[in-house]
Amino acid sequence: MIRSRLLRLTVAGATQFHVVARSRESGEQVEVLSGNVTAYKNYPSPYADPDRLGAGDVSMVNRSIDLMEKEHLSSAERHALSDAFR
């Protein structure tokens, strides 16, 4: 399990992912390059359903509006992200 200020992540098997968690920002995000991640809010919320993420998925959380949103990266965006972290 990995915890940041706003996210609690569980990882299944061999997984590559990138977390953006800057203390001066009200949001954080996790980008999954390969494998599987389950993303939970790391704070009490009435909207506590986790995001289940696979390769190419991104989960963004913003505590100031208590919102967690999942998106899917295009193939080009995934390759650019993967290249940036090699």
N, C-alpha and C. Protein backbone atom coordinates (compact mmCIF):
# COMPACT_ATOMS: atom_id res chain seq x y z
N MET A 1 0.84 -1.18 0.00
CA MET A 1 0.00 0.00 0.00
C MET A 1 0.89 1.24 0.00
N ILE A 2 0.50 2.22 -0.78
CA ILE A 2 1.21 3.49 -0.87
C ILE A 2 0.23 4.59 -0.49
N ARG A 3 0.69 5.48 0.37
CA ARG A 3 -0.17 6.59 0.80
C ARG A 3 0.49 7.93 0.46
N SER A 4 -0.34 8.83 0.01
CA SER A 4 0.06 10.23 -0.14
C SER A 4 -0.91 11.05 0.70
N ARG A 5 -0.85 12.32 0.59
CA ARG A 5 -1.74 13.19 1.36
C ARG A 5 -3.21 12.92 1.03
N LEU A 6 -3.54 12.68 -0.25
CA LEU A 6 -4.93 12.52 -0.68
C LEU A 6 -5.28 11.14 -1.21
N LEU A 7 -4.29 10.32 -1.56
CA LEU A 7 -4.54 9.02 -2.16
C LEU A 7 -3.99 7.89 -1.31
N ARG A 8 -4.71 6.78 -1.35
CA ARG A 8 -4.23 5.51 -0.79
C ARG A 8 -4.32 4.51 -1.93
N LEU A 9 -3.19 3.94 -2.31
CA LEU A 9 -3.12 3.08 -3.48
C LEU A 9 -2.76 1.66 -3.10
N THR A 10 -3.45 0.69 -3.68
CA THR A 10 -3.05 -0.70 -3.55
C THR A 10 -2.69 -1.18 -4.95
N VAL A 11 -1.64 -1.99 -5.02
CA VAL A 11 -1.08 -2.43 -6.28
C VAL A 11 -1.18 -3.95 -6.36
N ALA A 12 -1.57 -4.47 -7.53
CA ALA A 12 -1.67 -5.91 -7.73
C ALA A 12 -0.60 -6.36 -8.71
N GLY A 13 0.33 -7.19 -8.25
CA GLY A 13 1.36 -7.75 -9.12
C GLY A 13 2.33 -6.72 -9.65
N ALA A 14 2.98 -7.08 -10.75
CA ALA A 14 3.97 -6.19 -11.39
C ALA A 14 3.23 -5.00 -11.99
N THR A 15 3.53 -3.83 -11.50
CA THR A 15 2.81 -2.62 -11.91
C THR A 15 3.78 -1.45 -11.99
N GLN A 16 3.58 -0.60 -12.99
CA GLN A 16 4.32 0.66 -13.11
C GLN A 16 3.31 1.79 -13.10
N PHE A 17 3.57 2.79 -12.27
CA PHE A 17 2.65 3.93 -12.20
C PHE A 17 3.43 5.16 -11.76
N HIS A 18 2.81 6.30 -11.93
CA HIS A 18 3.41 7.59 -11.59
C HIS A 18 2.39 8.38 -10.78
N VAL A 19 2.85 8.96 -9.67
CA VAL A 19 1.97 9.76 -8.82
C VAL A 19 2.44 11.21 -8.85
N VAL A 20 1.51 12.12 -9.02
CA VAL A 20 1.79 13.55 -8.91
C VAL A 20 1.07 14.03 -7.66
N ALA A 21 1.85 14.44 -6.65
CA ALA A 21 1.29 14.85 -5.36
C ALA A 21 2.10 16.01 -4.81
N ARG A 22 1.73 17.20 -5.18
CA ARG A 22 2.44 18.41 -4.73
C ARG A 22 1.69 19.04 -3.57
N SER A 23 2.40 19.33 -2.50
CA SER A 23 1.76 19.83 -1.28
C SER A 23 1.05 21.17 -1.48
N ARG A 24 1.49 21.96 -2.43
CA ARG A 24 0.89 23.28 -2.64
C ARG A 24 -0.37 23.25 -3.52
N GLU A 25 -0.74 22.05 -4.00
CA GLU A 25 -1.92 21.92 -4.87
C GLU A 25 -3.03 21.16 -4.14
N SER A 26 -4.28 21.45 -4.50
CA SER A 26 -5.41 20.82 -3.82
C SER A 26 -5.75 19.45 -4.41
N GLY A 27 -5.05 19.04 -5.46
CA GLY A 27 -5.33 17.75 -6.07
C GLY A 27 -4.08 16.91 -6.24
N GLU A 28 -4.31 15.63 -6.52
CA GLU A 28 -3.25 14.67 -6.81
C GLU A 28 -3.75 13.75 -7.91
N GLN A 29 -2.82 13.03 -8.54
CA GLN A 29 -3.24 12.06 -9.55
C GLN A 29 -2.27 10.90 -9.60
N VAL A 30 -2.79 9.76 -10.08
CA VAL A 30 -1.99 8.56 -10.32
C VAL A 30 -2.24 8.15 -11.76
N GLU A 31 -1.14 7.86 -12.47
CA GLU A 31 -1.20 7.43 -13.87
C GLU A 31 -0.62 6.03 -13.96
N VAL A 32 -1.37 5.07 -14.47
CA VAL A 32 -0.93 3.68 -14.52
C VAL A 32 -0.36 3.38 -15.91
N LEU A 33 0.91 2.97 -15.93
CA LEU A 33 1.57 2.60 -17.18
C LEU A 33 1.31 1.14 -17.52
N SER A 34 1.37 0.27 -16.49
CA SER A 34 1.07 -1.15 -16.68
C SER A 34 0.64 -1.73 -15.34
N GLY A 35 -0.11 -2.83 -15.41
CA GLY A 35 -0.57 -3.47 -14.18
C GLY A 35 -1.90 -2.91 -13.71
N ASN A 36 -2.15 -3.09 -12.41
CA ASN A 36 -3.43 -2.69 -11.82
C ASN A 36 -3.23 -1.99 -10.50
N VAL A 37 -3.96 -0.89 -10.32
CA VAL A 37 -3.92 -0.10 -9.10
C VAL A 37 -5.36 0.18 -8.69
N THR A 38 -5.62 0.11 -7.40
CA THR A 38 -6.91 0.57 -6.87
C THR A 38 -6.62 1.84 -6.08
N ALA A 39 -7.31 2.92 -6.42
CA ALA A 39 -7.09 4.22 -5.80
C ALA A 39 -8.27 4.57 -4.90
N TYR A 40 -7.97 4.87 -3.65
CA TYR A 40 -8.96 5.30 -2.66
C TYR A 40 -8.63 6.71 -2.21
N LYS A 41 -9.64 7.45 -1.77
CA LYS A 41 -9.37 8.73 -1.12
C LYS A 41 -8.72 8.44 0.23
N ASN A 42 -7.71 9.18 0.59
CA ASN A 42 -7.01 9.00 1.86
C ASN A 42 -7.51 10.00 2.90
N TYR A 43 -8.79 10.24 2.87
CA TYR A 43 -9.45 11.13 3.83
C TYR A 43 -10.92 10.72 3.90
N PRO A 44 -11.60 11.05 4.99
CA PRO A 44 -13.02 10.68 5.10
C PRO A 44 -13.87 11.40 4.05
N SER A 45 -14.75 10.65 3.40
CA SER A 45 -15.60 11.22 2.36
C SER A 45 -16.88 10.41 2.26
N PRO A 46 -18.03 11.06 2.06
CA PRO A 46 -19.25 10.30 1.84
C PRO A 46 -19.25 9.62 0.46
N TYR A 47 -18.33 10.02 -0.41
CA TYR A 47 -18.20 9.45 -1.76
C TYR A 47 -16.89 8.66 -1.81
N ALA A 48 -16.87 7.51 -1.16
CA ALA A 48 -15.62 6.78 -0.92
C ALA A 48 -15.37 5.63 -1.89
N ASP A 49 -16.15 5.50 -2.97
CA ASP A 49 -15.93 4.41 -3.91
C ASP A 49 -14.55 4.55 -4.56
N PRO A 50 -13.78 3.46 -4.61
CA PRO A 50 -12.44 3.53 -5.20
C PRO A 50 -12.49 3.51 -6.73
N ASP A 51 -11.41 3.95 -7.35
CA ASP A 51 -11.21 3.79 -8.80
C ASP A 51 -10.32 2.58 -9.01
N ARG A 52 -10.76 1.67 -9.87
CA ARG A 52 -9.94 0.52 -10.25
C ARG A 52 -9.30 0.86 -11.59
N LEU A 53 -7.97 0.87 -11.60
CA LEU A 53 -7.22 1.38 -12.74
C LEU A 53 -6.37 0.29 -13.39
N GLY A 54 -6.30 0.33 -14.71
CA GLY A 54 -5.42 -0.54 -15.48
C GLY A 54 -4.51 0.32 -16.34
N ALA A 55 -3.75 -0.32 -17.20
CA ALA A 55 -2.81 0.40 -18.06
C ALA A 55 -3.54 1.49 -18.85
N GLY A 56 -3.00 2.70 -18.78
CA GLY A 56 -3.58 3.83 -19.50
C GLY A 56 -4.61 4.61 -18.73
N ASP A 57 -4.96 4.17 -17.54
CA ASP A 57 -5.94 4.89 -16.73
C ASP A 57 -5.27 5.90 -15.81
N VAL A 58 -6.00 6.98 -15.54
CA VAL A 58 -5.55 8.04 -14.64
C VAL A 58 -6.68 8.31 -13.66
N SER A 59 -6.34 8.46 -12.39
CA SER A 59 -7.32 8.88 -11.39
C SER A 59 -6.84 10.18 -10.78
N MET A 60 -7.73 11.15 -10.74
CA MET A 60 -7.43 12.47 -10.18
C MET A 60 -8.35 12.71 -9.00
N VAL A 61 -7.81 13.26 -7.91
CA VAL A 61 -8.61 13.56 -6.74
C VAL A 61 -8.37 15.01 -6.35
N ASN A 62 -9.45 15.69 -5.95
CA ASN A 62 -9.37 17.07 -5.49
C ASN A 62 -10.18 17.15 -4.20
N ARG A 63 -9.49 17.37 -3.09
CA ARG A 63 -10.17 17.37 -1.79
C ARG A 63 -11.05 18.60 -1.60
N SER A 64 -10.67 19.74 -2.17
CA SER A 64 -11.44 20.96 -1.93
C SER A 64 -12.88 20.85 -2.46
N ILE A 65 -13.10 19.99 -3.46
CA ILE A 65 -14.47 19.75 -3.96
C ILE A 65 -14.89 18.30 -3.76
N ASP A 66 -14.08 17.51 -3.05
CA ASP A 66 -14.33 16.10 -2.74
C ASP A 66 -14.74 15.32 -3.99
N LEU A 67 -13.86 15.37 -4.99
CA LEU A 67 -14.14 14.70 -6.26
C LEU A 67 -12.97 13.80 -6.63
N MET A 68 -13.28 12.59 -7.06
CA MET A 68 -12.28 11.69 -7.64
C MET A 68 -12.81 11.28 -9.01
N GLU A 69 -11.98 11.43 -10.03
CA GLU A 69 -12.41 11.20 -11.40
C GLU A 69 -11.40 10.31 -12.11
N LYS A 70 -11.91 9.38 -12.90
CA LYS A 70 -11.07 8.45 -13.66
C LYS A 70 -11.15 8.80 -15.14
N GLU A 71 -9.99 8.77 -15.81
CA GLU A 71 -9.93 9.00 -17.25
C GLU A 71 -9.01 7.96 -17.86
N HIS A 72 -9.07 7.82 -19.17
CA HIS A 72 -8.19 6.89 -19.89
C HIS A 72 -7.33 7.68 -20.86
N LEU A 73 -6.03 7.44 -20.82
CA LEU A 73 -5.10 8.11 -21.73
C LEU A 73 -5.16 7.48 -23.12
N SER A 74 -4.96 8.30 -24.12
CA SER A 74 -4.85 7.76 -25.48
C SER A 74 -3.53 7.00 -25.60
N SER A 75 -3.40 6.23 -26.62
CA SER A 75 -2.17 5.47 -26.84
C SER A 75 -0.95 6.40 -26.94
N ALA A 76 -1.09 7.52 -27.64
CA ALA A 76 0.01 8.48 -27.78
C ALA A 76 0.39 9.09 -26.42
N GLU A 77 -0.62 9.43 -25.61
CA GLU A 77 -0.36 9.99 -24.28
C GLU A 77 0.35 8.97 -23.38
N ARG A 78 -0.06 7.70 -23.48
CA ARG A 78 0.57 6.64 -22.69
C ARG A 78 2.02 6.46 -23.07
N HIS A 79 2.32 6.46 -24.37
CA HIS A 79 3.71 6.30 -24.82
C HIS A 79 4.56 7.48 -24.38
N ALA A 80 4.03 8.69 -24.46
CA ALA A 80 4.78 9.87 -24.03
C ALA A 80 5.07 9.80 -22.54
N LEU A 81 4.11 9.39 -21.75
CA LEU A 81 4.30 9.27 -20.32
C LEU A 81 5.33 8.19 -20.00
N SER A 82 5.20 7.06 -20.66
CA SER A 82 6.13 5.96 -20.44
C SER A 82 7.56 6.38 -20.79
N ASP A 83 7.74 7.08 -21.91
CA ASP A 83 9.07 7.54 -22.32
C ASP A 83 9.64 8.54 -21.33
N ALA A 84 8.79 9.36 -20.74
CA ALA A 84 9.25 10.40 -19.80
C ALA A 84 9.81 9.81 -18.52
N PHE A 85 9.41 8.59 -18.17
CA PHE A 85 9.83 8.00 -16.90
C PHE A 85 10.73 6.79 -17.08
N ARG A 86 11.41 6.71 -18.19
CA ARG A 86 12.41 5.65 -18.39
C ARG A 86 13.78 6.16 -18.12
